[in-house]
Amino acid sequence: MSDIQSPLPGTFYHAPSPESEPFKKPGDPVAETDTIGLVEVMKTFIDVKAEVSGTFDGYVAANAEPIQAGDVLARVR
């Protein structure tokens, strides 16, 4: 199991917009370059990449909630 951690503090989002499906759902395949979420910092959105390959296990951080650098956002097995 690998933890995907936040690279910086901000607000974490599971999807590119409120109307969109999440980037990943549990059981989805994940490649190292896949975007699994977005961190918003001062109206700028930064892609969070998986950086590991495997199967998406799920989000740990809640959608649209504040996070800190190093917080676990999601897990890949």
Foldseek 3Di string as FASTA:
>chain_A
DDFQWAQFWAWKAQPPDPVDDGQDDFFAWFDQAGFRIWGDDPNDTDTRGPNHTATWHFFPDDHRDIDGGGDGGGDGD
